[in-house]
Amino acid sequence: IGYKIRVPPRRDPRAWLELLEALRSEHHSFLDRRQWEEVARRHQIEKEIAELESRPDNIGRTDLIRKLRRELEKSS
């Protein structure tokens, strides 16, 4: 709040309620975007794991699969 968001006068309760509602709405939008990004990242990891598992065994690939699975578990 400040130079980017106009602060209403103290004597205008309706303007304060509008500001509060706008901030809540923005916060909910942020949470929705973050949740969508987390789901998209999980799907990307799952897809990458599936692709790596379809290839022949390789020590580096096995380590990468293990690392990706750990990351997937953390994000759940």
C-alpha atoms as a PDB file:
ATOM      1  CA  ILE A   1       0.000   0.000   0.000  1.00  0.00           C
ATOM      2  CA  GLY A   2       1.348   3.366  -0.817  1.00  0.00           C
ATOM      3  CA  TYR A   3       2.513   4.647  -4.146  1.00  0.00           C
ATOM      4  CA  LYS A   4       1.042   1.781  -6.197  1.00  0.00           C
ATOM      5  CA  ILE A   5      -2.222   1.267  -4.337  1.00  0.00           C
ATOM      6  CA  ARG A   6      -4.227   4.320  -3.448  1.00  0.00           C
ATOM      7  CA  VAL A   7      -4.847   4.569   0.287  1.00  0.00           C
ATOM      8  CA  PRO A   8      -8.364   5.829   0.962  1.00  0.00           C
ATOM      9  CA  PRO A   9      -9.063   8.586   3.450  1.00  0.00           C
ATOM     10  CA  ARG A  10      -9.668   7.425   7.018  1.00  0.00           C
ATOM     11  CA  ARG A  11     -13.158   8.844   7.030  1.00  0.00           C
ATOM     12  CA  ASP A  12     -14.330   6.691   4.096  1.00  0.00           C
ATOM     13  CA  PRO A  13     -15.199   3.225   5.455  1.00  0.00           C
ATOM     14  CA  ARG A  14     -16.697   2.071   2.161  1.00  0.00           C
ATOM     15  CA  ALA A  15     -13.442   2.794   0.342  1.00  0.00           C
ATOM     16  CA  TRP A  16     -11.557   0.806   2.985  1.00  0.00           C
ATOM     17  CA  LEU A  17     -13.904  -2.140   2.489  1.00  0.00           C
ATOM     18  CA  GLU A  18     -13.378  -1.932  -1.267  1.00  0.00           C
ATOM     19  CA  LEU A  19      -9.621  -1.873  -0.735  1.00  0.00           C
ATOM     20  CA  LEU A  20      -9.843  -4.874   1.577  1.00  0.00           C
ATOM     21  CA  GLU A  21     -11.926  -6.793  -0.946  1.00  0.00           C
ATOM     22  CA  ALA A  22      -9.520  -5.923  -3.767  1.00  0.00           C
ATOM     23  CA  LEU A  23      -6.554  -7.133  -1.719  1.00  0.00           C
ATOM     24  CA  ARG A  24      -8.361 -10.359  -0.814  1.00  0.00           C
ATOM     25  CA  SER A  25      -9.230 -10.958  -4.438  1.00  0.00           C
ATOM     26  CA  GLU A  26      -5.634 -10.411  -5.511  1.00  0.00           C
ATOM     27  CA  HIS A  27      -4.408 -12.761  -2.798  1.00  0.00           C
ATOM     28  CA  HIS A  28      -6.825 -15.491  -3.902  1.00  0.00           C
ATOM     29  CA  SER A  29      -5.728 -15.051  -7.504  1.00  0.00           C
ATOM     30  CA  PHE A  30      -2.123 -15.421  -6.407  1.00  0.00           C
ATOM     31  CA  LEU A  31      -2.915 -18.608  -4.481  1.00  0.00           C
ATOM     32  CA  ASP A  32      -4.795 -20.056  -7.459  1.00  0.00           C
ATOM     33  CA  ARG A  33      -1.887 -19.319  -9.794  1.00  0.00           C
ATOM     34  CA  ARG A  34       0.608 -20.830  -7.385  1.00  0.00           C
ATOM     35  CA  GLN A  35      -1.477 -23.989  -7.001  1.00  0.00           C
ATOM     36  CA  TRP A  36      -1.813 -24.302 -10.774  1.00  0.00           C
ATOM     37  CA  GLU A  37       1.961 -23.900 -11.182  1.00  0.00           C
ATOM     38  CA  GLU A  38       2.633 -26.576  -8.560  1.00  0.00           C
ATOM     39  CA  VAL A  39       0.309 -29.021 -10.310  1.00  0.00           C
ATOM     40  CA  ALA A  40       1.895 -28.244 -13.667  1.00  0.00           C
ATOM     41  CA  ARG A  41       5.367 -28.832 -12.195  1.00  0.00           C
ATOM     42  CA  ARG A  42       4.269 -32.173 -10.706  1.00  0.00           C
ATOM     43  CA  HIS A  43       2.931 -33.271 -14.082  1.00  0.00           C
ATOM     44  CA  GLN A  44       6.158 -32.190 -15.745  1.00  0.00           C
ATOM     45  CA  ILE A  45       8.199 -34.242 -13.263  1.00  0.00           C
ATOM     46  CA  GLU A  46       5.956 -37.285 -13.744  1.00  0.00           C
ATOM     47  CA  LYS A  47       6.299 -36.996 -17.502  1.00  0.00           C
ATOM     48  CA  GLU A  48      10.074 -36.676 -17.262  1.00  0.00           C
ATOM     49  CA  ILE A  49      10.285 -39.722 -14.974  1.00  0.00           C
ATOM     50  CA  ALA A  50       8.199 -41.768 -17.400  1.00  0.00           C
ATOM     51  CA  GLU A  51      10.400 -40.741 -20.304  1.00  0.00           C
ATOM     52  CA  LEU A  52      13.600 -41.559 -18.413  1.00  0.00           C
ATOM     53  CA  GLU A  53      12.243 -44.940 -17.318  1.00  0.00           C
ATOM     54  CA  SER A  54      11.445 -45.839 -20.913  1.00  0.00           C
ATOM     55  CA  ARG A  55      15.126 -45.507 -21.827  1.00  0.00           C
ATOM     56  CA  PRO A  56      17.767 -48.159 -21.147  1.00  0.00           C
ATOM     57  CA  ASP A  57      19.308 -48.292 -17.671  1.00  0.00           C
ATOM     58  CA  ASN A  58      22.141 -45.915 -16.949  1.00  0.00           C
ATOM     59  CA  ILE A  59      23.720 -44.927 -13.614  1.00  0.00           C
ATOM     60  CA  GLY A  60      23.266 -41.201 -14.166  1.00  0.00           C
ATOM     61  CA  ARG A  61      19.720 -41.689 -15.384  1.00  0.00           C
ATOM     62  CA  THR A  62      18.869 -43.830 -12.357  1.00  0.00           C
ATOM     63  CA  ASP A  63      20.186 -41.118 -10.044  1.00  0.00           C
ATOM     64  CA  LEU A  64      18.184 -38.482 -11.893  1.00  0.00           C
ATOM     65  CA  ILE A  65      15.013 -40.572 -11.604  1.00  0.00           C
ATOM     66  CA  ARG A  66      15.634 -40.963  -7.872  1.00  0.00           C
ATOM     67  CA  LYS A  67      16.161 -37.207  -7.524  1.00  0.00           C
ATOM     68  CA  LEU A  68      12.987 -36.433  -9.466  1.00  0.00           C
ATOM     69  CA  ARG A  69      10.970 -38.860  -7.340  1.00  0.00           C
ATOM     70  CA  ARG A  70      12.226 -37.155  -4.178  1.00  0.00           C
ATOM     71  CA  GLU A  71      11.238 -33.791  -5.602  1.00  0.00           C
ATOM     72  CA  LEU A  72       7.830 -35.205  -6.475  1.00  0.00           C
ATOM     73  CA  GLU A  73       7.373 -36.507  -2.922  1.00  0.00           C
ATOM     74  CA  LYS A  74       8.318 -33.116  -1.471  1.00  0.00           C
ATOM     75  CA  SER A  75       5.787 -31.319  -3.620  1.00  0.00           C
ATOM     76  CA  SER A  76       2.932 -33.598  -2.550  1.00  0.00           C
END
